[in-house]
Amino acid sequence: MHQDLKKILVSEEQIVAKCKELGAKISHDYRAIGENPLLVAVLKGSVPFLAELVKHIDLDIEFDFMDVSSYEGTESIGDVRIIKDLDRSIKGTRILLVEDIVDTGRTIKEVTR
């Protein structure tokens, strides 16, 4: 275990199992509607989860990324700043938003406006 951690809440094996489950569900649901998923990842914390998740999606996948900050160090500053926005318009497009952690909900609220 890492020196700075007291306890691991979710093991790597549990994360991989959940990614397999989600990947199968995403593949099934998007195949049923005849679309390929557009995954929008909120950088940078979501990237390891995204990398594991896409291994288990059996479809062509499109990606886009946002870089958003609401923290200075480990403290929430309240304001959500979009550092890098999407590279294209997603108006009318179904997206799957991939985020590493939701604590206040402000980031998700801001990026889904």
PDB file of N, CA and C in Angstrom:
ATOM      1  N   MET A   1       0.848  -1.170   0.000  1.00  0.00           N
ATOM      2  CA  MET A   1       0.000   0.000   0.000  1.00  0.00           C
ATOM      3  C   MET A   1       0.899   1.239   0.000  1.00  0.00           C
ATOM      4  N   HIS A   2       0.385   2.322  -0.599  1.00  0.00           N
ATOM      5  CA  HIS A   2       1.133   3.573  -0.633  1.00  0.00           C
ATOM      6  C   HIS A   2       1.313   4.119   0.774  1.00  0.00           C
ATOM      7  N   GLN A   3       2.477   4.712   1.021  1.00  0.00           N
ATOM      8  CA  GLN A   3       2.804   5.238   2.349  1.00  0.00           C
ATOM      9  C   GLN A   3       1.804   6.279   2.841  1.00  0.00           C
ATOM     10  N   ASP A   4       1.268   7.096   1.913  1.00  0.00           N
ATOM     11  CA  ASP A   4       0.394   8.200   2.319  1.00  0.00           C
ATOM     12  C   ASP A   4      -1.076   7.793   2.457  1.00  0.00           C
ATOM     13  N   LEU A   5      -1.387   6.521   2.246  1.00  0.00           N
ATOM     14  CA  LEU A   5      -2.769   6.053   2.361  1.00  0.00           C
ATOM     15  C   LEU A   5      -2.957   5.229   3.623  1.00  0.00           C
ATOM     16  N   LYS A   6      -4.058   5.466   4.293  1.00  0.00           N
ATOM     17  CA  LYS A   6      -4.379   4.664   5.470  1.00  0.00           C
ATOM     18  C   LYS A   6      -5.105   3.386   5.076  1.00  0.00           C
ATOM     19  N   LYS A   7      -5.959   3.507   4.049  1.00  0.00           N
ATOM     20  CA  LYS A   7      -6.788   2.369   3.667  1.00  0.00           C
ATOM     21  C   LYS A   7      -7.206   2.528   2.209  1.00  0.00           C
ATOM     22  N   ILE A   8      -7.194   1.442   1.464  1.00  0.00           N
ATOM     23  CA  ILE A   8      -7.710   1.438   0.096  1.00  0.00           C
ATOM     24  C   ILE A   8      -9.180   1.058   0.171  1.00  0.00           C
ATOM     25  N   LEU A   9     -10.038   1.935  -0.326  1.00  0.00           N
ATOM     26  CA  LEU A   9     -11.483   1.708  -0.244  1.00  0.00           C
ATOM     27  C   LEU A   9     -11.993   0.788  -1.343  1.00  0.00           C
ATOM     28  N   VAL A  10     -11.415   0.908  -2.544  1.00  0.00           N
ATOM     29  CA  VAL A  10     -11.831   0.090  -3.680  1.00  0.00           C
ATOM     30  C   VAL A  10     -10.560  -0.480  -4.308  1.00  0.00           C
ATOM     31  N   SER A  11     -10.483  -1.789  -4.399  1.00  0.00           N
ATOM     32  CA  SER A  11      -9.274  -2.433  -4.923  1.00  0.00           C
ATOM     33  C   SER A  11      -9.200  -2.313  -6.441  1.00  0.00           C
ATOM     34  N   GLU A  12      -8.012  -2.528  -6.959  1.00  0.00           N
ATOM     35  CA  GLU A  12      -7.823  -2.530  -8.413  1.00  0.00           C
ATOM     36  C   GLU A  12      -8.714  -3.588  -9.059  1.00  0.00           C
ATOM     37  N   GLU A  13      -8.822  -4.734  -8.432  1.00  0.00           N
ATOM     38  CA  GLU A  13      -9.659  -5.812  -8.970  1.00  0.00           C
ATOM     39  C   GLU A  13     -11.127  -5.393  -9.030  1.00  0.00           C
ATOM     40  N   GLN A  14     -11.583  -4.678  -8.021  1.00  0.00           N
ATOM     41  CA  GLN A  14     -12.971  -4.197  -8.017  1.00  0.00           C
ATOM     42  C   GLN A  14     -13.192  -3.156  -9.115  1.00  0.00           C
ATOM     43  N   ILE A  15     -12.216  -2.302  -9.336  1.00  0.00           N
ATOM     44  CA  ILE A  15     -12.330  -1.287 -10.388  1.00  0.00           C
ATOM     45  C   ILE A  15     -12.378  -1.947 -11.756  1.00  0.00           C
ATOM     46  N   VAL A  16     -11.508  -2.919 -11.992  1.00  0.00           N
ATOM     47  CA  VAL A  16     -11.509  -3.632 -13.274  1.00  0.00           C
ATOM     48  C   VAL A  16     -12.840  -4.354 -13.476  1.00  0.00           C
ATOM     49  N   ALA A  17     -13.343  -5.004 -12.442  1.00  0.00           N
ATOM     50  CA  ALA A  17     -14.631  -5.710 -12.548  1.00  0.00           C
ATOM     51  C   ALA A  17     -15.759  -4.739 -12.884  1.00  0.00           C
ATOM     52  N   LYS A  18     -15.770  -3.573 -12.248  1.00  0.00           N
ATOM     53  CA  LYS A  18     -16.812  -2.575 -12.524  1.00  0.00           C
ATOM     54  C   LYS A  18     -16.664  -2.038 -13.945  1.00  0.00           C
ATOM     55  N   CYS A  19     -15.437  -1.843 -14.410  1.00  0.00           N
ATOM     56  CA  CYS A  19     -15.219  -1.377 -15.785  1.00  0.00           C
ATOM     57  C   CYS A  19     -15.715  -2.407 -16.794  1.00  0.00           C
ATOM     58  N   LYS A  20     -15.497  -3.684 -16.512  1.00  0.00           N
ATOM     59  CA  LYS A  20     -16.013  -4.744 -17.391  1.00  0.00           C
ATOM     60  C   LYS A  20     -17.536  -4.687 -17.441  1.00  0.00           C
ATOM     61  N   GLU A  21     -18.146  -4.549 -16.281  1.00  0.00           N
ATOM     62  CA  GLU A  21     -19.608  -4.477 -16.195  1.00  0.00           C
ATOM     63  C   GLU A  21     -20.139  -3.253 -16.950  1.00  0.00           C
ATOM     64  N   LEU A  22     -19.547  -2.096 -16.695  1.00  0.00           N
ATOM     65  CA  LEU A  22     -19.984  -0.868 -17.375  1.00  0.00           C
ATOM     66  C   LEU A  22     -19.728  -0.935 -18.873  1.00  0.00           C
ATOM     67  N   GLY A  23     -18.570  -1.469 -19.261  1.00  0.00           N
ATOM     68  CA  GLY A  23     -18.246  -1.591 -20.684  1.00  0.00           C
ATOM     69  C   GLY A  23     -19.255  -2.455 -21.425  1.00  0.00           C
ATOM     70  N   ALA A  24     -19.652  -3.567 -20.815  1.00  0.00           N
ATOM     71  CA  ALA A  24     -20.655  -4.445 -21.426  1.00  0.00           C
ATOM     72  C   ALA A  24     -21.999  -3.732 -21.541  1.00  0.00           C
ATOM     73  N   LYS A  25     -22.384  -2.996 -20.503  1.00  0.00           N
ATOM     74  CA  LYS A  25     -23.664  -2.263 -20.517  1.00  0.00           C
ATOM     75  C   LYS A  25     -23.644  -1.154 -21.556  1.00  0.00           C
ATOM     76  N   ILE A  26     -22.566  -0.397 -21.607  1.00  0.00           N
ATOM     77  CA  ILE A  26     -22.440   0.676 -22.603  1.00  0.00           C
ATOM     78  C   ILE A  26     -22.501   0.093 -24.008  1.00  0.00           C
ATOM     79  N   SER A  27     -21.757  -0.980 -24.247  1.00  0.00           N
ATOM     80  CA  SER A  27     -21.758  -1.621 -25.570  1.00  0.00           C
ATOM     81  C   SER A  27     -23.160  -2.081 -25.945  1.00  0.00           C
ATOM     82  N   HIS A  28     -23.840  -2.738 -25.029  1.00  0.00           N
ATOM     83  CA  HIS A  28     -25.192  -3.233 -25.280  1.00  0.00           C
ATOM     84  C   HIS A  28     -26.153  -2.088 -25.577  1.00  0.00           C
ATOM     85  N   ASP A  29     -26.145  -1.069 -24.724  1.00  0.00           N
ATOM     86  CA  ASP A  29     -27.099   0.033 -24.865  1.00  0.00           C
ATOM     87  C   ASP A  29     -26.859   0.846 -26.134  1.00  0.00           C
ATOM     88  N   TYR A  30     -25.612   1.131 -26.450  1.00  0.00           N
ATOM     89  CA  TYR A  30     -25.326   1.916 -27.656  1.00  0.00           C
ATOM     90  C   TYR A  30     -25.551   1.095 -28.924  1.00  0.00           C
ATOM     91  N   ARG A  31     -25.275  -0.195 -28.871  1.00  0.00           N
ATOM     92  CA  ARG A  31     -25.560  -1.056 -30.019  1.00  0.00           C
ATOM     93  C   ARG A  31     -27.070  -1.074 -30.279  1.00  0.00           C
ATOM     94  N   ALA A  32     -27.858  -1.081 -29.219  1.00  0.00           N
ATOM     95  CA  ALA A  32     -29.323  -1.116 -29.340  1.00  0.00           C
ATOM     96  C   ALA A  32     -29.876   0.137 -30.007  1.00  0.00           C
ATOM     97  N   ILE A  33     -29.217   1.280 -29.836  1.00  0.00           N
ATOM     98  CA  ILE A  33     -29.695   2.519 -30.463  1.00  0.00           C
ATOM     99  C   ILE A  33     -28.935   2.847 -31.744  1.00  0.00           C
ATOM    100  N   GLY A  34     -28.000   1.977 -32.122  1.00  0.00           N
ATOM    101  CA  GLY A  34     -27.280   2.157 -33.379  1.00  0.00           C
ATOM    102  C   GLY A  34     -26.311   3.327 -33.390  1.00  0.00           C
ATOM    103  N   GLU A  35     -25.737   3.632 -32.245  1.00  0.00           N
ATOM    104  CA  GLU A  35     -24.773   4.733 -32.154  1.00  0.00           C
ATOM    105  C   GLU A  35     -23.476   4.239 -31.524  1.00  0.00           C
ATOM    106  N   ASN A  36     -22.424   5.020 -31.734  1.00  0.00           N
ATOM    107  CA  ASN A  36     -21.171   4.791 -31.032  1.00  0.00           C
ATOM    108  C   ASN A  36     -21.045   5.843 -29.935  1.00  0.00           C
ATOM    109  N   PRO A  37     -20.500   5.462 -28.792  1.00  0.00           N
ATOM    110  CA  PRO A  37     -20.435   6.410 -27.682  1.00  0.00           C
ATOM    111  C   PRO A  37     -19.387   7.501 -27.877  1.00  0.00           C
ATOM    112  N   LEU A  38     -19.719   8.687 -27.378  1.00  0.00           N
ATOM    113  CA  LEU A  38     -18.769   9.788 -27.253  1.00  0.00           C
ATOM    114  C   LEU A  38     -18.472   9.921 -25.766  1.00  0.00           C
ATOM    115  N   LEU A  39     -17.255   9.608 -25.390  1.00  0.00           N
ATOM    116  CA  LEU A  39     -16.844   9.718 -24.000  1.00  0.00           C
ATOM    117  C   LEU A  39     -16.125  11.040 -23.810  1.00  0.00           C
ATOM    118  N   VAL A  40     -16.599  11.823 -22.858  1.00  0.00           N
ATOM    119  CA  VAL A  40     -15.975  13.099 -22.517  1.00  0.00           C
ATOM    120  C   VAL A  40     -15.333  12.923 -21.147  1.00  0.00           C
ATOM    121  N   ALA A  41     -14.022  12.991 -21.118  1.00  0.00           N
ATOM    122  CA  ALA A  41     -13.287  12.808 -19.872  1.00  0.00           C
ATOM    123  C   ALA A  41     -12.894  14.155 -19.293  1.00  0.00           C
ATOM    124  N   VAL A  42     -13.087  14.279 -17.990  1.00  0.00           N
ATOM    125  CA  VAL A  42     -12.641  15.470 -17.276  1.00  0.00           C
ATOM    126  C   VAL A  42     -11.217  15.177 -16.796  1.00  0.00           C
ATOM    127  N   LEU A  43     -10.261  15.915 -17.375  1.00  0.00           N
ATOM    128  CA  LEU A  43      -8.844  15.697 -17.073  1.00  0.00           C
ATOM    129  C   LEU A  43      -8.516  16.148 -15.663  1.00  0.00           C
ATOM    130  N   LYS A  44      -7.564  15.622 -15.073  1.00  0.00           N
ATOM    131  CA  LYS A  44      -6.670  14.567 -15.457  1.00  0.00           C
ATOM    132  C   LYS A  44      -6.991  13.293 -14.689  1.00  0.00           C
ATOM    133  N   GLY A  45      -7.720  13.439 -13.607  1.00  0.00           N
ATOM    134  CA  GLY A  45      -7.980  12.309 -12.725  1.00  0.00           C
ATOM    135  C   GLY A  45      -8.779  11.180 -13.333  1.00  0.00           C
ATOM    136  N   SER A  46      -9.586  11.464 -14.346  1.00  0.00           N
ATOM    137  CA  SER A  46     -10.435  10.423 -14.924  1.00  0.00           C
ATOM    138  C   SER A  46      -9.697   9.532 -15.912  1.00  0.00           C
ATOM    139  N   VAL A  47      -8.509   9.923 -16.338  1.00  0.00           N
ATOM    140  CA  VAL A  47      -7.807   9.202 -17.408  1.00  0.00           C
ATOM    141  C   VAL A  47      -7.508   7.745 -17.053  1.00  0.00           C
ATOM    142  N   PRO A  48      -7.005   7.413 -15.861  1.00  0.00           N
ATOM    143  CA  PRO A  48      -6.776   5.992 -15.566  1.00  0.00           C
ATOM    144  C   PRO A  48      -8.061   5.155 -15.636  1.00  0.00           C
ATOM    145  N   PHE A  49      -9.162   5.680 -15.115  1.00  0.00           N
ATOM    146  CA  PHE A  49     -10.437   4.965 -15.187  1.00  0.00           C
ATOM    147  C   PHE A  49     -10.900   4.850 -16.635  1.00  0.00           C
ATOM    148  N   LEU A  50     -10.792   5.936 -17.400  1.00  0.00           N
ATOM    149  CA  LEU A  50     -11.169   5.927 -18.813  1.00  0.00           C
ATOM    150  C   LEU A  50     -10.368   4.877 -19.578  1.00  0.00           C
ATOM    151  N   ALA A  51      -9.063   4.814 -19.322  1.00  0.00           N
ATOM    152  CA  ALA A  51      -8.200   3.850 -20.018  1.00  0.00           C
ATOM    153  C   ALA A  51      -8.647   2.417 -19.753  1.00  0.00           C
ATOM    154  N   GLU A  52      -9.054   2.131 -18.528  1.00  0.00           N
ATOM    155  CA  GLU A  52      -9.538   0.783 -18.206  1.00  0.00           C
ATOM    156  C   GLU A  52     -10.918   0.547 -18.804  1.00  0.00           C
ATOM    157  N   LEU A  53     -11.795   1.523 -18.714  1.00  0.00           N
ATOM    158  CA  LEU A  53     -13.161   1.379 -19.212  1.00  0.00           C
ATOM    159  C   LEU A  53     -13.199   1.074 -20.707  1.00  0.00           C
ATOM    160  N   VAL A  54     -12.418   1.801 -21.495  1.00  0.00           N
ATOM    161  CA  VAL A  54     -12.499   1.626 -22.954  1.00  0.00           C
ATOM    162  C   VAL A  54     -12.020   0.252 -23.409  1.00  0.00           C
ATOM    163  N   LYS A  55     -11.235  -0.427 -22.598  1.00  0.00           N
ATOM    164  CA  LYS A  55     -10.816  -1.797 -22.928  1.00  0.00           C
ATOM    165  C   LYS A  55     -12.017  -2.735 -23.014  1.00  0.00           C
ATOM    166  N   HIS A  56     -13.113  -2.351 -22.373  1.00  0.00           N
ATOM    167  CA  HIS A  56     -14.262  -3.240 -22.239  1.00  0.00           C
ATOM    168  C   HIS A  56     -15.480  -2.767 -23.026  1.00  0.00           C
ATOM    169  N   ILE A  57     -15.303  -1.764 -23.861  1.00  0.00           N
ATOM    170  CA  ILE A  57     -16.383  -1.294 -24.731  1.00  0.00           C
ATOM    171  C   ILE A  57     -16.118  -1.840 -26.122  1.00  0.00           C
ATOM    172  N   ASP A  58     -17.045  -2.644 -26.605  1.00  0.00           N
ATOM    173  CA  ASP A  58     -16.877  -3.355 -27.869  1.00  0.00           C
ATOM    174  C   ASP A  58     -17.525  -2.586 -29.019  1.00  0.00           C
ATOM    175  N   LEU A  59     -17.178  -1.316 -29.145  1.00  0.00           N
ATOM    176  CA  LEU A  59     -17.697  -0.458 -30.213  1.00  0.00           C
ATOM    177  C   LEU A  59     -16.611   0.549 -30.582  1.00  0.00           C
ATOM    178  N   ASP A  60     -16.794   1.213 -31.709  1.00  0.00           N
ATOM    179  CA  ASP A  60     -15.929   2.344 -32.011  1.00  0.00           C
ATOM    180  C   ASP A  60     -16.287   3.457 -31.037  1.00  0.00           C
ATOM    181  N   ILE A  61     -15.285   4.077 -30.487  1.00  0.00           N
ATOM    182  CA  ILE A  61     -15.501   5.101 -29.467  1.00  0.00           C
ATOM    183  C   ILE A  61     -14.906   6.412 -29.948  1.00  0.00           C
ATOM    184  N   GLU A  62     -15.629   7.493 -29.679  1.00  0.00           N
ATOM    185  CA  GLU A  62     -15.085   8.824 -29.902  1.00  0.00           C
ATOM    186  C   GLU A  62     -14.762   9.416 -28.537  1.00  0.00           C
ATOM    187  N   PHE A  63     -13.745  10.282 -28.513  1.00  0.00           N
ATOM    188  CA  PHE A  63     -13.305  10.896 -27.264  1.00  0.00           C
ATOM    189  C   PHE A  63     -13.242  12.403 -27.401  1.00  0.00           C
ATOM    190  N   ASP A  64     -13.430  13.075 -26.300  1.00  0.00           N
ATOM    191  CA  ASP A  64     -13.090  14.482 -26.174  1.00  0.00           C
ATOM    192  C   ASP A  64     -12.734  14.696 -24.712  1.00  0.00           C
ATOM    193  N   PHE A  65     -12.078  15.794 -24.435  1.00  0.00           N
ATOM    194  CA  PHE A  65     -11.559  16.027 -23.095  1.00  0.00           C
ATOM    195  C   PHE A  65     -11.805  17.456 -22.656  1.00  0.00           C
ATOM    196  N   MET A  66     -12.044  17.606 -21.371  1.00  0.00           N
ATOM    197  CA  MET A  66     -12.139  18.925 -20.746  1.00  0.00           C
ATOM    198  C   MET A  66     -11.149  18.949 -19.587  1.00  0.00           C
ATOM    199  N   ASP A  67     -10.563  20.114 -19.369  1.00  0.00           N
ATOM    200  CA  ASP A  67      -9.728  20.313 -18.187  1.00  0.00           C
ATOM    201  C   ASP A  67     -10.413  21.374 -17.349  1.00  0.00           C
ATOM    202  N   VAL A  68     -10.790  20.995 -16.158  1.00  0.00           N
ATOM    203  CA  VAL A  68     -11.593  21.848 -15.290  1.00  0.00           C
ATOM    204  C   VAL A  68     -10.925  21.896 -13.918  1.00  0.00           C
ATOM    205  N   SER A  69     -10.965  23.053 -13.287  1.00  0.00           N
ATOM    206  CA  SER A  69     -10.364  23.170 -11.967  1.00  0.00           C
ATOM    207  C   SER A  69     -11.301  23.896 -11.016  1.00  0.00           C
ATOM    208  N   SER A  70     -11.445  23.331  -9.842  1.00  0.00           N
ATOM    209  CA  SER A  70     -12.168  24.019  -8.770  1.00  0.00           C
ATOM    210  C   SER A  70     -11.381  23.906  -7.471  1.00  0.00           C
ATOM    211  N   TYR A  71     -10.123  23.531  -7.596  1.00  0.00           N
ATOM    212  CA  TYR A  71      -9.267  23.332  -6.428  1.00  0.00           C
ATOM    213  C   TYR A  71      -7.969  24.099  -6.564  1.00  0.00           C
ATOM    214  N   GLU A  72      -7.437  24.499  -5.431  1.00  0.00           N
ATOM    215  CA  GLU A  72      -6.060  24.955  -5.315  1.00  0.00           C
ATOM    216  C   GLU A  72      -5.435  24.019  -4.296  1.00  0.00           C
ATOM    217  N   GLY A  73      -4.541  23.174  -4.767  1.00  0.00           N
ATOM    218  CA  GLY A  73      -4.005  22.130  -3.890  1.00  0.00           C
ATOM    219  C   GLY A  73      -5.095  21.129  -3.593  1.00  0.00           C
ATOM    220  N   THR A  74      -5.408  20.953  -2.324  1.00  0.00           N
ATOM    221  CA  THR A  74      -6.471  20.015  -1.934  1.00  0.00           C
ATOM    222  C   THR A  74      -7.718  20.734  -1.450  1.00  0.00           C
ATOM    223  N   GLU A  75      -7.744  22.055  -1.565  1.00  0.00           N
ATOM    224  CA  GLU A  75      -8.877  22.846  -1.086  1.00  0.00           C
ATOM    225  C   GLU A  75      -9.758  23.310  -2.237  1.00  0.00           C
ATOM    226  N   SER A  76     -11.064  23.097  -2.110  1.00  0.00           N
ATOM    227  CA  SER A  76     -12.014  23.590  -3.104  1.00  0.00           C
ATOM    228  C   SER A  76     -12.100  25.108  -2.988  1.00  0.00           C
ATOM    229  N   ILE A  77     -12.007  25.797  -4.139  1.00  0.00           N
ATOM    230  CA  ILE A  77     -12.089  27.263  -4.135  1.00  0.00           C
ATOM    231  C   ILE A  77     -13.491  27.742  -4.465  1.00  0.00           C
ATOM    232  N   GLY A  78     -14.384  26.808  -4.761  1.00  0.00           N
ATOM    233  CA  GLY A  78     -15.770  27.181  -5.019  1.00  0.00           C
ATOM    234  C   GLY A  78     -16.064  27.445  -6.474  1.00  0.00           C
ATOM    235  N   ASP A  79     -15.266  28.270  -7.116  1.00  0.00           N
ATOM    236  CA  ASP A  79     -15.488  28.578  -8.527  1.00  0.00           C
ATOM    237  C   ASP A  79     -14.940  27.456  -9.397  1.00  0.00           C
ATOM    238  N   VAL A  80     -15.670  27.138 -10.451  1.00  0.00           N
ATOM    239  CA  VAL A  80     -15.223  26.134 -11.412  1.00  0.00           C
ATOM    240  C   VAL A  80     -14.668  26.868 -12.625  1.00  0.00           C
ATOM    241  N   ARG A  81     -13.409  26.591 -12.933  1.00  0.00           N
ATOM    242  CA  ARG A  81     -12.767  27.223 -14.089  1.00  0.00           C
ATOM    243  C   ARG A  81     -12.562  26.175 -15.177  1.00  0.00           C
ATOM    244  N   ILE A  82     -13.028  26.488 -16.386  1.00  0.00           N
ATOM    245  CA  ILE A  82     -12.787  25.600 -17.520  1.00  0.00           C
ATOM    246  C   ILE A  82     -11.474  26.032 -18.157  1.00  0.00           C
ATOM    247  N   ILE A  83     -10.481  25.178 -18.054  1.00  0.00           N
ATOM    248  CA  ILE A  83      -9.150  25.463 -18.574  1.00  0.00           C
ATOM    249  C   ILE A  83      -9.054  25.038 -20.035  1.00  0.00           C
ATOM    250  N   LYS A  84      -9.641  23.885 -20.370  1.00  0.00           N
ATOM    251  CA  LYS A  84      -9.711  23.410 -21.755  1.00  0.00           C
ATOM    252  C   LYS A  84     -11.125  22.916 -21.993  1.00  0.00           C
ATOM    253  N   ASP A  85     -11.780  23.507 -22.976  1.00  0.00           N
ATOM    254  CA  ASP A  85     -13.140  23.095 -23.319  1.00  0.00           C
ATOM    255  C   ASP A  85     -13.079  22.018 -24.395  1.00  0.00           C
ATOM    256  N   LEU A  86     -14.228  21.503 -24.760  1.00  0.00           N
ATOM    257  CA  LEU A  86     -14.314  20.482 -25.804  1.00  0.00           C
ATOM    258  C   LEU A  86     -13.831  21.043 -27.135  1.00  0.00           C
ATOM    259  N   ASP A  87     -13.365  20.151 -27.997  1.00  0.00           N
ATOM    260  CA  ASP A  87     -12.860  20.558 -29.305  1.00  0.00           C
ATOM    261  C   ASP A  87     -13.964  20.742 -30.331  1.00  0.00           C
ATOM    262  N   ARG A  88     -15.185  20.360 -29.996  1.00  0.00           N
ATOM    263  CA  ARG A  88     -16.296  20.455 -30.946  1.00  0.00           C
ATOM    264  C   ARG A  88     -17.603  20.669 -30.193  1.00  0.00           C
ATOM    265  N   SER A  89     -18.611  21.019 -30.945  1.00  0.00           N
ATOM    266  CA  SER A  89     -19.941  21.171 -30.362  1.00  0.00           C
ATOM    267  C   SER A  89     -20.537  19.785 -30.122  1.00  0.00           C
ATOM    268  N   ILE A  90     -21.188  19.634 -28.987  1.00  0.00           N
ATOM    269  CA  ILE A  90     -21.856  18.361 -28.692  1.00  0.00           C
ATOM    270  C   ILE A  90     -23.362  18.554 -28.590  1.00  0.00           C
ATOM    271  N   LYS A  91     -23.831  19.691 -29.053  1.00  0.00           N
ATOM    272  CA  LYS A  91     -25.266  19.970 -28.992  1.00  0.00           C
ATOM    273  C   LYS A  91     -26.033  18.852 -29.696  1.00  0.00           C
ATOM    274  N   GLY A  92     -27.005  18.282 -29.010  1.00  0.00           N
ATOM    275  CA  GLY A  92     -27.817  17.213 -29.574  1.00  0.00           C
ATOM    276  C   GLY A  92     -27.140  15.851 -29.593  1.00  0.00           C
ATOM    277  N   THR A  93     -25.954  15.745 -28.998  1.00  0.00           N
ATOM    278  CA  THR A  93     -25.193  14.495 -28.992  1.00  0.00           C
ATOM    279  C   THR A  93     -25.290  13.839 -27.620  1.00  0.00           C
ATOM    280  N   ARG A  94     -25.497  12.530 -27.621  1.00  0.00           N
ATOM    281  CA  ARG A  94     -25.450  11.794 -26.355  1.00  0.00           C
ATOM    282  C   ARG A  94     -23.981  11.659 -25.967  1.00  0.00           C
ATOM    283  N   ILE A  95     -23.673  11.971 -24.733  1.00  0.00           N
ATOM    284  CA  ILE A  95     -22.299  11.811 -24.263  1.00  0.00           C
ATOM    285  C   ILE A  95     -22.285  11.002 -22.976  1.00  0.00           C
ATOM    286  N   LEU A  96     -21.155  10.385 -22.723  1.00  0.00           N
ATOM    287  CA  LEU A  96     -20.886   9.755 -21.434  1.00  0.00           C
ATOM    288  C   LEU A  96     -19.776  10.570 -20.788  1.00  0.00           C
ATOM    289  N   LEU A  97     -20.082  11.204 -19.694  1.00  0.00           N
ATOM    290  CA  LEU A  97     -19.120  12.031 -18.982  1.00  0.00           C
ATOM    291  C   LEU A  97     -18.352  11.155 -17.999  1.00  0.00           C
ATOM    292  N   VAL A  98     -17.037  11.175 -18.113  1.00  0.00           N
ATOM    293  CA  VAL A  98     -16.183  10.364 -17.246  1.00  0.00           C
ATOM    294  C   VAL A  98     -15.437  11.307 -16.304  1.00  0.00           C
ATOM    295  N   GLU A  99     -15.692  11.147 -15.014  1.00  0.00           N
ATOM    296  CA  GLU A  99     -15.106  12.004 -13.982  1.00  0.00           C
ATOM    297  C   GLU A  99     -14.517  11.108 -12.905  1.00  0.00           C
ATOM    298  N   ASP A 100     -13.468  11.559 -12.249  1.00  0.00           N
ATOM    299  CA  ASP A 100     -12.832  10.701 -11.249  1.00  0.00           C
ATOM    300  C   ASP A 100     -13.519  10.743  -9.891  1.00  0.00           C
ATOM    301  N   ILE A 101     -14.003  11.897  -9.484  1.00  0.00           N
ATOM    302  CA  ILE A 101     -14.631  12.008  -8.171  1.00  0.00           C
ATOM    303  C   ILE A 101     -15.659  13.128  -8.207  1.00  0.00           C
ATOM    304  N   VAL A 102     -16.751  12.913  -7.525  1.00  0.00           N
ATOM    305  CA  VAL A 102     -17.770  13.957  -7.386  1.00  0.00           C
ATOM    306  C   VAL A 102     -17.908  14.213  -5.888  1.00  0.00           C
ATOM    307  N   ASP A 103     -17.535  15.423  -5.467  1.00  0.00           N
ATOM    308  CA  ASP A 103     -17.701  15.726  -4.043  1.00  0.00           C
ATOM    309  C   ASP A 103     -18.751  16.809  -3.826  1.00  0.00           C
ATOM    310  N   THR A 104     -18.620  17.955  -4.454  1.00  0.00           N
ATOM    311  CA  THR A 104     -19.622  19.016  -4.282  1.00  0.00           C
ATOM    312  C   THR A 104     -20.669  19.003  -5.386  1.00  0.00           C
ATOM    313  N   GLY A 105     -20.330  18.415  -6.539  1.00  0.00           N
ATOM    314  CA  GLY A 105     -21.236  18.420  -7.687  1.00  0.00           C
ATOM    315  C   GLY A 105     -21.117  19.664  -8.553  1.00  0.00           C
ATOM    316  N   ARG A 106     -20.323  20.643  -8.112  1.00  0.00           N
ATOM    317  CA  ARG A 106     -20.188  21.893  -8.880  1.00  0.00           C
ATOM    318  C   ARG A 106     -19.543  21.681 -10.242  1.00  0.00           C
ATOM    319  N   THR A 107     -18.530  20.836 -10.308  1.00  0.00           N
ATOM    320  CA  THR A 107     -17.849  20.604 -11.589  1.00  0.00           C
ATOM    321  C   THR A 107     -18.813  19.998 -12.596  1.00  0.00           C
ATOM    322  N   ILE A 108     -19.541  18.961 -12.192  1.00  0.00           N
ATOM    323  CA  ILE A 108     -20.493  18.317 -13.110  1.00  0.00           C
ATOM    324  C   ILE A 108     -21.562  19.311 -13.535  1.00  0.00           C
ATOM    325  N   LYS A 109     -22.055  20.084 -12.612  1.00  0.00           N
ATOM    326  CA  LYS A 109     -23.075  21.084 -12.943  1.00  0.00           C
ATOM    327  C   LYS A 109     -22.543  22.065 -13.985  1.00  0.00           C
ATOM    328  N   GLU A 110     -21.307  22.503 -13.815  1.00  0.00           N
ATOM    329  CA  GLU A 110     -20.719  23.476 -14.743  1.00  0.00           C
ATOM    330  C   GLU A 110     -20.477  22.869 -16.128  1.00  0.00           C
ATOM    331  N   VAL A 111     -19.918  21.665 -16.183  1.00  0.00           N
ATOM    332  CA  VAL A 111     -19.574  21.091 -17.488  1.00  0.00           C
ATOM    333  C   VAL A 111     -20.789  20.583 -18.247  1.00  0.00           C
ATOM    334  N   THR A 112     -21.923  20.412 -17.577  1.00  0.00           N
ATOM    335  CA  THR A 112     -23.124  19.945 -18.279  1.00  0.00           C
ATOM    336  C   THR A 112     -24.068  21.080 -18.648  1.00  0.00           C
ATOM    337  N   ARG A 113     -23.665  22.314 -18.432  1.00  0.00           N
ATOM    338  CA  ARG A 113     -24.512  23.457 -18.817  1.00  0.00           C
ATOM    339  C   ARG A 113     -24.538  23.629 -20.310  1.00  0.00           C
TER     340      ARG A 113
END
